[in-house]
Amino acid sequence: MSLDHEVSPRRERKGGGGRWAIAMAVLTFVCLIVPILVIRSAMQRIRSLGASGSAVVETVRNVAEAFRTGTVETTLRSYATEVRGVSRFQFAELKQFEAFERTDTSALAWGAVPLPDVVVEARGQVVYTYALDLQKRWDLRLSDRGVDVVAPAPEFGIPALDPSTLTFEIKRGSVLRDEAAVRDALQAGLSGLLQQRAREHLPLVREAGRKATAEFVRNFLLARYEDAAGLMVRVRFADEAAETTPGSPVKVEGPSQK
């Protein structure tokens, strides 16, 4: 009986020691792993707050600071890429019904015997587009509660002649001449004639382009700088003299002023 009493306490102490070892192992695991997880979570939160904080700083940065740091042009290009996704800002489209005439003169016997002239006219509807290259230099200057913009010179795209409207007319012909050859020569030269006509039409869209460009810059300022409301945007193109008086400036109206 005495032996039984001696063995039983030993077994109880052995079982109690095992439980104590397991508890210590669990406690050690908790002490090592949980702090690591907490630290990683805190670091991720700090990173996210830092990123959002930078975005807030970028959003609330004022116009004067942007011009002082010289980042306006770069930001304008990135804004154009985000909004339009292209490197050209098309500001005007002009539809015209055009007429092109070709007079062909010829003679025989080394010019001694003149032949009747042949006059051929081509008519059709043409669409001209005009744009600014966003990759070229843009100069923006802040002064007198306004933004003076020097934009790239307007450029025209490839004129689009509607083939369904294209007609040819022999306005003056002769049985002695090859009228078809004159017609073919006129048709072959239409591309160059359209390019020349697009250049001639540029004054017709210049003021419309100036206003559209001012609106484009206005939207850019409102999207990037909270204190842009109230500024006047004045636009001059790079191919215009500095003394050129631009059209009516565009005022940047903020939401509070509507």
C-alpha atoms as a PDB file:
ATOM      1  CA  MET A   1       0.000   0.000   0.000  1.00  0.00           C
ATOM      2  CA  SER A   2       2.773   2.371   0.780  1.00  0.00           C
ATOM      3  CA  LEU A   3       4.253   1.729  -2.657  1.00  0.00           C
ATOM      4  CA  ASP A   4       1.021   2.672  -4.340  1.00  0.00           C
ATOM      5  CA  HIS A   5       0.985   5.937  -2.462  1.00  0.00           C
ATOM      6  CA  GLU A   6       4.536   6.692  -3.576  1.00  0.00           C
ATOM      7  CA  VAL A   7       3.971   5.968  -7.305  1.00  0.00           C
ATOM      8  CA  SER A   8       0.773   7.965  -7.700  1.00  0.00           C
ATOM      9  CA  PRO A   9       2.255  11.372  -6.739  1.00  0.00           C
ATOM     10  CA  ARG A  10       5.143  10.837  -9.149  1.00  0.00           C
ATOM     11  CA  ARG A  11       2.738  10.284 -12.047  1.00  0.00           C
ATOM     12  CA  GLU A  12       0.806  13.432 -11.141  1.00  0.00           C
ATOM     13  CA  ARG A  13       3.982  15.512 -11.136  1.00  0.00           C
ATOM     14  CA  LYS A  14       5.034  14.093 -14.507  1.00  0.00           C
ATOM     15  CA  GLY A  15       1.645  14.918 -16.088  1.00  0.00           C
ATOM     16  CA  GLY A  16       1.696  18.423 -14.644  1.00  0.00           C
ATOM     17  CA  GLY A  17       5.173  19.069 -16.067  1.00  0.00           C
ATOM     18  CA  GLY A  18       4.045  18.108 -19.590  1.00  0.00           C
ATOM     19  CA  ARG A  19       1.159  20.514 -19.515  1.00  0.00           C
ATOM     20  CA  TRP A  20       3.439  23.242 -18.249  1.00  0.00           C
ATOM     21  CA  ALA A  21       5.887  22.650 -21.137  1.00  0.00           C
ATOM     22  CA  ILE A  22       3.076  22.869 -23.718  1.00  0.00           C
ATOM     23  CA  ALA A  23       1.801  26.080 -22.156  1.00  0.00           C
ATOM     24  CA  MET A  24       5.288  27.598 -22.274  1.00  0.00           C
ATOM     25  CA  ALA A  25       5.691  26.592 -25.914  1.00  0.00           C
ATOM     26  CA  VAL A  26       2.366  28.200 -26.839  1.00  0.00           C
ATOM     27  CA  LEU A  27       3.253  31.342 -24.886  1.00  0.00           C
ATOM     28  CA  THR A  28       6.644  31.524 -26.601  1.00  0.00           C
ATOM     29  CA  PHE A  29       4.996  31.156 -30.023  1.00  0.00           C
ATOM     30  CA  VAL A  30       2.504  33.911 -29.236  1.00  0.00           C
ATOM     31  CA  CYS A  31       5.227  36.231 -27.968  1.00  0.00           C
ATOM     32  CA  LEU A  32       7.344  35.772 -31.094  1.00  0.00           C
ATOM     33  CA  ILE A  33       4.812  35.563 -33.929  1.00  0.00           C
ATOM     34  CA  VAL A  34       2.078  37.978 -32.848  1.00  0.00           C
ATOM     35  CA  PRO A  35       4.395  41.005 -32.500  1.00  0.00           C
ATOM     36  CA  ILE A  36       5.807  40.300 -35.954  1.00  0.00           C
ATOM     37  CA  LEU A  37       2.307  40.209 -37.448  1.00  0.00           C
ATOM     38  CA  VAL A  38       1.349  43.399 -35.609  1.00  0.00           C
ATOM     39  CA  ILE A  39       4.487  45.198 -36.820  1.00  0.00           C
ATOM     40  CA  ARG A  40       3.913  44.113 -40.440  1.00  0.00           C
ATOM     41  CA  SER A  41       0.316  45.319 -40.289  1.00  0.00           C
ATOM     42  CA  ALA A  42       1.392  48.662 -38.850  1.00  0.00           C
ATOM     43  CA  MET A  43       4.058  49.115 -41.541  1.00  0.00           C
ATOM     44  CA  GLN A  44       1.537  48.395 -44.304  1.00  0.00           C
ATOM     45  CA  ARG A  45      -0.845  50.941 -42.815  1.00  0.00           C
ATOM     46  CA  ILE A  46       1.920  53.546 -42.627  1.00  0.00           C
ATOM     47  CA  ARG A  47       2.794  52.928 -46.283  1.00  0.00           C
ATOM     48  CA  SER A  48      -0.829  53.306 -47.349  1.00  0.00           C
ATOM     49  CA  LEU A  49      -1.226  56.480 -45.318  1.00  0.00           C
ATOM     50  CA  GLY A  50       1.982  57.831 -46.769  1.00  0.00           C
ATOM     51  CA  ALA A  51       0.791  57.199 -50.327  1.00  0.00           C
ATOM     52  CA  SER A  52      -2.585  58.793 -49.707  1.00  0.00           C
ATOM     53  CA  GLY A  53      -0.871  61.677 -47.967  1.00  0.00           C
ATOM     54  CA  SER A  54       1.313  62.281 -51.018  1.00  0.00           C
ATOM     55  CA  ALA A  55      -1.775  62.230 -53.220  1.00  0.00           C
ATOM     56  CA  VAL A  56      -3.434  64.785 -50.976  1.00  0.00           C
ATOM     57  CA  VAL A  57      -0.363  67.027 -51.111  1.00  0.00           C
ATOM     58  CA  GLU A  58      -0.349  66.771 -54.908  1.00  0.00           C
ATOM     59  CA  THR A  59      -4.058  67.601 -55.034  1.00  0.00           C
ATOM     60  CA  VAL A  60      -3.977  70.639 -52.783  1.00  0.00           C
ATOM     61  CA  ARG A  61      -0.746  72.089 -54.134  1.00  0.00           C
ATOM     62  CA  ASN A  62      -1.459  75.627 -55.228  1.00  0.00           C
ATOM     63  CA  VAL A  63      -0.871  77.244 -58.590  1.00  0.00           C
ATOM     64  CA  ALA A  64       1.974  79.485 -57.430  1.00  0.00           C
ATOM     65  CA  GLU A  65       3.942  76.541 -56.062  1.00  0.00           C
ATOM     66  CA  ALA A  66       3.447  74.596 -59.272  1.00  0.00           C
ATOM     67  CA  PHE A  67       4.799  77.442 -61.364  1.00  0.00           C
ATOM     68  CA  ARG A  68       7.662  77.997 -58.933  1.00  0.00           C
ATOM     69  CA  THR A  69       8.778  74.376 -59.138  1.00  0.00           C
ATOM     70  CA  GLY A  70       8.445  74.331 -62.929  1.00  0.00           C
ATOM     71  CA  THR A  71       6.273  71.220 -63.097  1.00  0.00           C
ATOM     72  CA  VAL A  72       3.297  72.769 -64.875  1.00  0.00           C
ATOM     73  CA  GLU A  73       4.256  71.719 -68.395  1.00  0.00           C
ATOM     74  CA  THR A  74       4.959  68.130 -67.342  1.00  0.00           C
ATOM     75  CA  THR A  75       1.696  67.939 -65.431  1.00  0.00           C
ATOM     76  CA  LEU A  76      -0.195  69.392 -68.389  1.00  0.00           C
ATOM     77  CA  ARG A  77       1.134  66.651 -70.664  1.00  0.00           C
ATOM     78  CA  SER A  78       0.241  63.919 -68.185  1.00  0.00           C
ATOM     79  CA  TYR A  79      -3.243  65.424 -67.818  1.00  0.00           C
ATOM     80  CA  ALA A  80      -3.661  65.416 -71.592  1.00  0.00           C
ATOM     81  CA  THR A  81      -2.607  61.772 -71.748  1.00  0.00           C
ATOM     82  CA  GLU A  82      -5.050  60.818 -68.984  1.00  0.00           C
ATOM     83  CA  VAL A  83      -7.987  62.741 -70.477  1.00  0.00           C
ATOM     84  CA  ARG A  84      -7.454  62.205 -74.187  1.00  0.00           C
ATOM     85  CA  GLY A  85      -5.033  59.327 -74.477  1.00  0.00           C
ATOM     86  CA  VAL A  86      -3.406  60.918 -77.516  1.00  0.00           C
ATOM     87  CA  SER A  87      -0.442  63.210 -78.176  1.00  0.00           C
ATOM     88  CA  ARG A  88      -2.446  65.726 -80.233  1.00  0.00           C
ATOM     89  CA  PHE A  89      -5.189  68.100 -79.122  1.00  0.00           C
ATOM     90  CA  GLN A  90      -7.645  68.527 -81.993  1.00  0.00           C
ATOM     91  CA  PHE A  91      -9.413  71.833 -81.577  1.00  0.00           C
ATOM     92  CA  ALA A  92     -11.237  72.382 -84.874  1.00  0.00           C
ATOM     93  CA  GLU A  93     -12.869  70.541 -87.761  1.00  0.00           C
ATOM     94  CA  LEU A  94     -13.812  72.387 -90.919  1.00  0.00           C
ATOM     95  CA  LYS A  95     -16.098  71.002 -93.641  1.00  0.00           C
ATOM     96  CA  GLN A  96     -15.894  72.706 -96.995  1.00  0.00           C
ATOM     97  CA  PHE A  97     -17.246  72.020-100.472  1.00  0.00           C
ATOM     98  CA  GLU A  98     -14.166  72.659-102.589  1.00  0.00           C
ATOM     99  CA  ALA A  99     -13.581  73.227-106.294  1.00  0.00           C
ATOM    100  CA  PHE A 100     -10.202  72.786-107.993  1.00  0.00           C
ATOM    101  CA  GLU A 101      -9.532  73.765-111.598  1.00  0.00           C
ATOM    102  CA  ARG A 102      -6.738  72.789-113.942  1.00  0.00           C
ATOM    103  CA  THR A 103      -5.991  74.523-117.219  1.00  0.00           C
ATOM    104  CA  ASP A 104      -3.753  72.613-119.595  1.00  0.00           C
ATOM    105  CA  THR A 105      -2.044  74.426-122.455  1.00  0.00           C
ATOM    106  CA  SER A 106      -0.285  72.755-125.333  1.00  0.00           C
ATOM    107  CA  ALA A 107       1.055  73.551-128.793  1.00  0.00           C
ATOM    108  CA  LEU A 108       2.473  71.887-131.890  1.00  0.00           C
ATOM    109  CA  ALA A 109       5.605  72.537-133.936  1.00  0.00           C
ATOM    110  CA  TRP A 110       7.696  73.489-130.925  1.00  0.00           C
ATOM    111  CA  GLY A 111       5.143  76.058-129.777  1.00  0.00           C
ATOM    112  CA  ALA A 112       4.492  77.593-133.162  1.00  0.00           C
ATOM    113  CA  VAL A 113       0.960  76.193-133.451  1.00  0.00           C
ATOM    114  CA  PRO A 114      -1.017  76.598-130.180  1.00  0.00           C
ATOM    115  CA  LEU A 115      -3.801  74.166-129.416  1.00  0.00           C
ATOM    116  CA  PRO A 116      -7.022  75.007-127.582  1.00  0.00           C
ATOM    117  CA  ASP A 117      -6.745  74.942-123.804  1.00  0.00           C
ATOM    118  CA  VAL A 118      -8.484  72.232-121.803  1.00  0.00           C
ATOM    119  CA  VAL A 119     -10.044  73.280-118.482  1.00  0.00           C
ATOM    120  CA  VAL A 120     -11.132  70.582-116.024  1.00  0.00           C
ATOM    121  CA  GLU A 121     -12.779  71.214-112.668  1.00  0.00           C
ATOM    122  CA  ALA A 122     -12.970  68.817-109.693  1.00  0.00           C
ATOM    123  CA  ARG A 123     -15.523  69.366-106.941  1.00  0.00           C
ATOM    124  CA  GLY A 124     -16.143  67.561-103.670  1.00  0.00           C
ATOM    125  CA  GLN A 125     -16.663  67.854 -99.935  1.00  0.00           C
ATOM    126  CA  VAL A 126     -13.527  67.963 -97.782  1.00  0.00           C
ATOM    127  CA  VAL A 127     -13.044  67.692 -94.016  1.00  0.00           C
ATOM    128  CA  TYR A 128     -10.065  69.568 -92.574  1.00  0.00           C
ATOM    129  CA  THR A 129      -8.826  68.969 -89.014  1.00  0.00           C
ATOM    130  CA  TYR A 130      -6.557  71.222 -86.965  1.00  0.00           C
ATOM    131  CA  ALA A 131      -4.670  70.260 -83.818  1.00  0.00           C
ATOM    132  CA  LEU A 132      -1.852  71.111 -81.417  1.00  0.00           C
ATOM    133  CA  ASP A 133       1.028  68.737 -80.717  1.00  0.00           C
ATOM    134  CA  LEU A 134       1.034  68.017 -76.985  1.00  0.00           C
ATOM    135  CA  GLN A 135       4.611  66.724 -77.140  1.00  0.00           C
ATOM    136  CA  LYS A 136       5.973  70.052 -78.329  1.00  0.00           C
ATOM    137  CA  ARG A 137       6.889  72.890 -76.011  1.00  0.00           C
ATOM    138  CA  TRP A 138       4.164  74.612 -74.005  1.00  0.00           C
ATOM    139  CA  ASP A 139       5.047  77.750 -72.052  1.00  0.00           C
ATOM    140  CA  LEU A 140       2.784  78.734 -69.163  1.00  0.00           C
ATOM    141  CA  ARG A 141       3.471  81.817 -67.065  1.00  0.00           C
ATOM    142  CA  LEU A 142       1.567  83.033 -64.001  1.00  0.00           C
ATOM    143  CA  SER A 143       1.082  86.810 -63.780  1.00  0.00           C
ATOM    144  CA  ASP A 144      -1.557  89.325 -62.686  1.00  0.00           C
ATOM    145  CA  ARG A 145      -4.094  86.691 -61.613  1.00  0.00           C
ATOM    146  CA  GLY A 146      -3.831  85.153 -65.028  1.00  0.00           C
ATOM    147  CA  VAL A 147      -2.017  82.419 -66.925  1.00  0.00           C
ATOM    148  CA  ASP A 148      -0.310  83.355 -70.181  1.00  0.00           C
ATOM    149  CA  VAL A 149       0.016  80.339 -72.443  1.00  0.00           C
ATOM    150  CA  VAL A 150       2.256  80.012 -75.504  1.00  0.00           C
ATOM    151  CA  ALA A 151       0.985  76.912 -77.258  1.00  0.00           C
ATOM    152  CA  PRO A 152       2.578  75.143 -80.246  1.00  0.00           C
ATOM    153  CA  ALA A 153       1.656  76.420 -83.686  1.00  0.00           C
ATOM    154  CA  PRO A 154      -1.566  74.865 -85.022  1.00  0.00           C
ATOM    155  CA  GLU A 155      -1.072  72.028 -87.479  1.00  0.00           C
ATOM    156  CA  PHE A 156      -3.501  70.546 -89.982  1.00  0.00           C
ATOM    157  CA  GLY A 157      -4.111  66.864 -90.493  1.00  0.00           C
ATOM    158  CA  ILE A 158      -4.455  65.032 -93.794  1.00  0.00           C
ATOM    159  CA  PRO A 159      -7.543  66.478 -95.525  1.00  0.00           C
ATOM    160  CA  ALA A 160     -10.285  63.900 -96.032  1.00  0.00           C
ATOM    161  CA  LEU A 161     -11.991  64.157 -99.415  1.00  0.00           C
ATOM    162  CA  ASP A 162     -15.322  62.330 -99.550  1.00  0.00           C
ATOM    163  CA  PRO A 163     -15.033  60.214-102.724  1.00  0.00           C
ATOM    164  CA  SER A 164     -18.806  59.881-102.993  1.00  0.00           C
ATOM    165  CA  THR A 165     -19.058  63.637-103.605  1.00  0.00           C
ATOM    166  CA  LEU A 166     -16.122  63.911-106.020  1.00  0.00           C
ATOM    167  CA  THR A 167     -17.113  64.970-109.552  1.00  0.00           C
ATOM    168  CA  PHE A 168     -15.169  66.157-112.589  1.00  0.00           C
ATOM    169  CA  GLU A 169     -16.379  68.550-115.250  1.00  0.00           C
ATOM    170  CA  ILE A 170     -14.761  69.448-118.572  1.00  0.00           C
ATOM    171  CA  LYS A 171     -15.385  73.174-118.579  1.00  0.00           C
ATOM    172  CA  ARG A 172     -13.486  73.726-121.807  1.00  0.00           C
ATOM    173  CA  GLY A 173     -12.546  70.924-124.147  1.00  0.00           C
ATOM    174  CA  SER A 174     -11.262  70.245-127.620  1.00  0.00           C
ATOM    175  CA  VAL A 175     -11.354  67.337-130.015  1.00  0.00           C
ATOM    176  CA  LEU A 176      -7.707  68.061-130.665  1.00  0.00           C
ATOM    177  CA  ARG A 177      -6.744  67.432-127.034  1.00  0.00           C
ATOM    178  CA  ASP A 178      -6.702  64.441-124.714  1.00  0.00           C
ATOM    179  CA  GLU A 179      -9.212  65.581-122.133  1.00  0.00           C
ATOM    180  CA  ALA A 180      -8.959  62.364-120.120  1.00  0.00           C
ATOM    181  CA  ALA A 181      -5.249  62.907-119.598  1.00  0.00           C
ATOM    182  CA  VAL A 182      -5.896  66.393-118.222  1.00  0.00           C
ATOM    183  CA  ARG A 183      -8.563  65.000-115.901  1.00  0.00           C
ATOM    184  CA  ASP A 184      -6.204  62.275-114.637  1.00  0.00           C
ATOM    185  CA  ALA A 185      -3.474  64.845-114.037  1.00  0.00           C
ATOM    186  CA  LEU A 186      -5.870  66.942-111.950  1.00  0.00           C
ATOM    187  CA  GLN A 187      -6.949  63.915-109.919  1.00  0.00           C
ATOM    188  CA  ALA A 188      -3.330  62.919-109.275  1.00  0.00           C
ATOM    189  CA  GLY A 189      -2.537  66.413-107.995  1.00  0.00           C
ATOM    190  CA  LEU A 190      -5.533  66.713-105.656  1.00  0.00           C
ATOM    191  CA  SER A 191      -3.520  65.685-102.573  1.00  0.00           C
ATOM    192  CA  GLY A 192      -1.131  68.616-102.924  1.00  0.00           C
ATOM    193  CA  LEU A 193      -3.986  71.000-103.701  1.00  0.00           C
ATOM    194  CA  LEU A 194      -5.843  69.892-100.565  1.00  0.00           C
ATOM    195  CA  GLN A 195      -2.743  70.434 -98.426  1.00  0.00           C
ATOM    196  CA  GLN A 196      -2.410  73.950 -99.805  1.00  0.00           C
ATOM    197  CA  ARG A 197      -6.085  74.675 -99.190  1.00  0.00           C
ATOM    198  CA  ALA A 198      -5.834  73.380 -95.607  1.00  0.00           C
ATOM    199  CA  ARG A 199      -3.030  75.868 -94.960  1.00  0.00           C
ATOM    200  CA  GLU A 200      -5.093  78.671 -96.494  1.00  0.00           C
ATOM    201  CA  HIS A 201      -8.050  77.862 -94.232  1.00  0.00           C
ATOM    202  CA  LEU A 202      -5.973  78.078 -91.041  1.00  0.00           C
ATOM    203  CA  PRO A 203      -6.966  81.741 -90.322  1.00  0.00           C
ATOM    204  CA  LEU A 204     -10.621  80.649 -90.339  1.00  0.00           C
ATOM    205  CA  VAL A 205     -10.100  78.325 -87.344  1.00  0.00           C
ATOM    206  CA  ARG A 206      -7.348  80.151 -85.459  1.00  0.00           C
ATOM    207  CA  GLU A 207      -9.625  82.061 -83.085  1.00  0.00           C
ATOM    208  CA  ALA A 208     -11.806  79.002 -82.488  1.00  0.00           C
ATOM    209  CA  GLY A 209      -8.613  77.084 -81.720  1.00  0.00           C
ATOM    210  CA  ARG A 210      -7.455  79.787 -79.323  1.00  0.00           C
ATOM    211  CA  LYS A 211     -10.702  79.556 -77.359  1.00  0.00           C
ATOM    212  CA  ALA A 212     -10.665  75.744 -77.333  1.00  0.00           C
ATOM    213  CA  THR A 213      -7.048  75.754 -76.110  1.00  0.00           C
ATOM    214  CA  ALA A 214      -7.901  78.198 -73.328  1.00  0.00           C
ATOM    215  CA  GLU A 215     -10.768  75.932 -72.254  1.00  0.00           C
ATOM    216  CA  PHE A 216      -8.400  72.951 -72.299  1.00  0.00           C
ATOM    217  CA  VAL A 217      -5.910  74.751 -70.016  1.00  0.00           C
ATOM    218  CA  ARG A 218      -8.776  75.961 -67.816  1.00  0.00           C
ATOM    219  CA  ASN A 219      -9.994  72.399 -67.234  1.00  0.00           C
ATOM    220  CA  PHE A 220      -6.434  71.307 -66.513  1.00  0.00           C
ATOM    221  CA  LEU A 221      -5.987  74.001 -63.848  1.00  0.00           C
ATOM    222  CA  LEU A 222      -9.291  73.193 -62.168  1.00  0.00           C
ATOM    223  CA  ALA A 223      -8.470  69.474 -62.116  1.00  0.00           C
ATOM    224  CA  ARG A 224      -5.037  69.957 -60.521  1.00  0.00           C
ATOM    225  CA  TYR A 225      -5.090  73.090 -58.315  1.00  0.00           C
ATOM    226  CA  GLU A 226      -7.784  74.030 -55.843  1.00  0.00           C
ATOM    227  CA  ASP A 227      -6.989  77.761 -55.941  1.00  0.00           C
ATOM    228  CA  ALA A 228      -7.158  78.062 -59.755  1.00  0.00           C
ATOM    229  CA  ALA A 229     -10.662  79.567 -59.758  1.00  0.00           C
ATOM    230  CA  GLY A 230     -10.641  83.203 -60.828  1.00  0.00           C
ATOM    231  CA  LEU A 231      -7.566  83.014 -63.060  1.00  0.00           C
ATOM    232  CA  MET A 232      -7.773  84.311 -66.624  1.00  0.00           C
ATOM    233  CA  VAL A 233      -6.254  82.117 -69.351  1.00  0.00           C
ATOM    234  CA  ARG A 234      -4.712  83.954 -72.310  1.00  0.00           C
ATOM    235  CA  VAL A 235      -3.429  81.933 -75.265  1.00  0.00           C
ATOM    236  CA  ARG A 236      -0.913  82.832 -77.964  1.00  0.00           C
ATOM    237  CA  PHE A 237       0.352  80.391 -80.556  1.00  0.00           C
ATOM    238  CA  ALA A 238       4.065  79.943 -81.196  1.00  0.00           C
ATOM    239  CA  ASP A 239       3.786  81.165 -84.798  1.00  0.00           C
ATOM    240  CA  GLU A 240       2.275  84.482 -83.693  1.00  0.00           C
ATOM    241  CA  ALA A 241       4.268  87.566 -82.771  1.00  0.00           C
ATOM    242  CA  ALA A 242       4.545  88.389 -79.079  1.00  0.00           C
ATOM    243  CA  GLU A 243       2.693  91.647 -79.720  1.00  0.00           C
ATOM    244  CA  THR A 244      -0.326  89.795 -81.106  1.00  0.00           C
ATOM    245  CA  THR A 245      -3.403  90.620 -79.110  1.00  0.00           C
ATOM    246  CA  PRO A 246      -5.221  87.361 -78.416  1.00  0.00           C
ATOM    247  CA  GLY A 247      -8.966  87.000 -78.401  1.00  0.00           C
ATOM    248  CA  SER A 248     -11.091  87.174 -75.294  1.00  0.00           C
ATOM    249  CA  PRO A 249      -9.382  85.386 -72.392  1.00  0.00           C
ATOM    250  CA  VAL A 250     -11.161  82.519 -70.652  1.00  0.00           C
ATOM    251  CA  LYS A 251     -11.843  82.840 -66.961  1.00  0.00           C
ATOM    252  CA  VAL A 252     -11.353  79.788 -64.752  1.00  0.00           C
ATOM    253  CA  GLU A 253     -14.654  79.413 -62.929  1.00  0.00           C
ATOM    254  CA  GLY A 254     -14.622  77.194 -59.867  1.00  0.00           C
ATOM    255  CA  PRO A 255     -17.592  75.181 -58.596  1.00  0.00           C
ATOM    256  CA  SER A 256     -18.287  77.747 -55.885  1.00  0.00           C
ATOM    257  CA  GLN A 257     -18.773  80.483 -58.480  1.00  0.00           C
ATOM    258  CA  LYS A 258     -21.427  78.634 -60.491  1.00  0.00           C
END
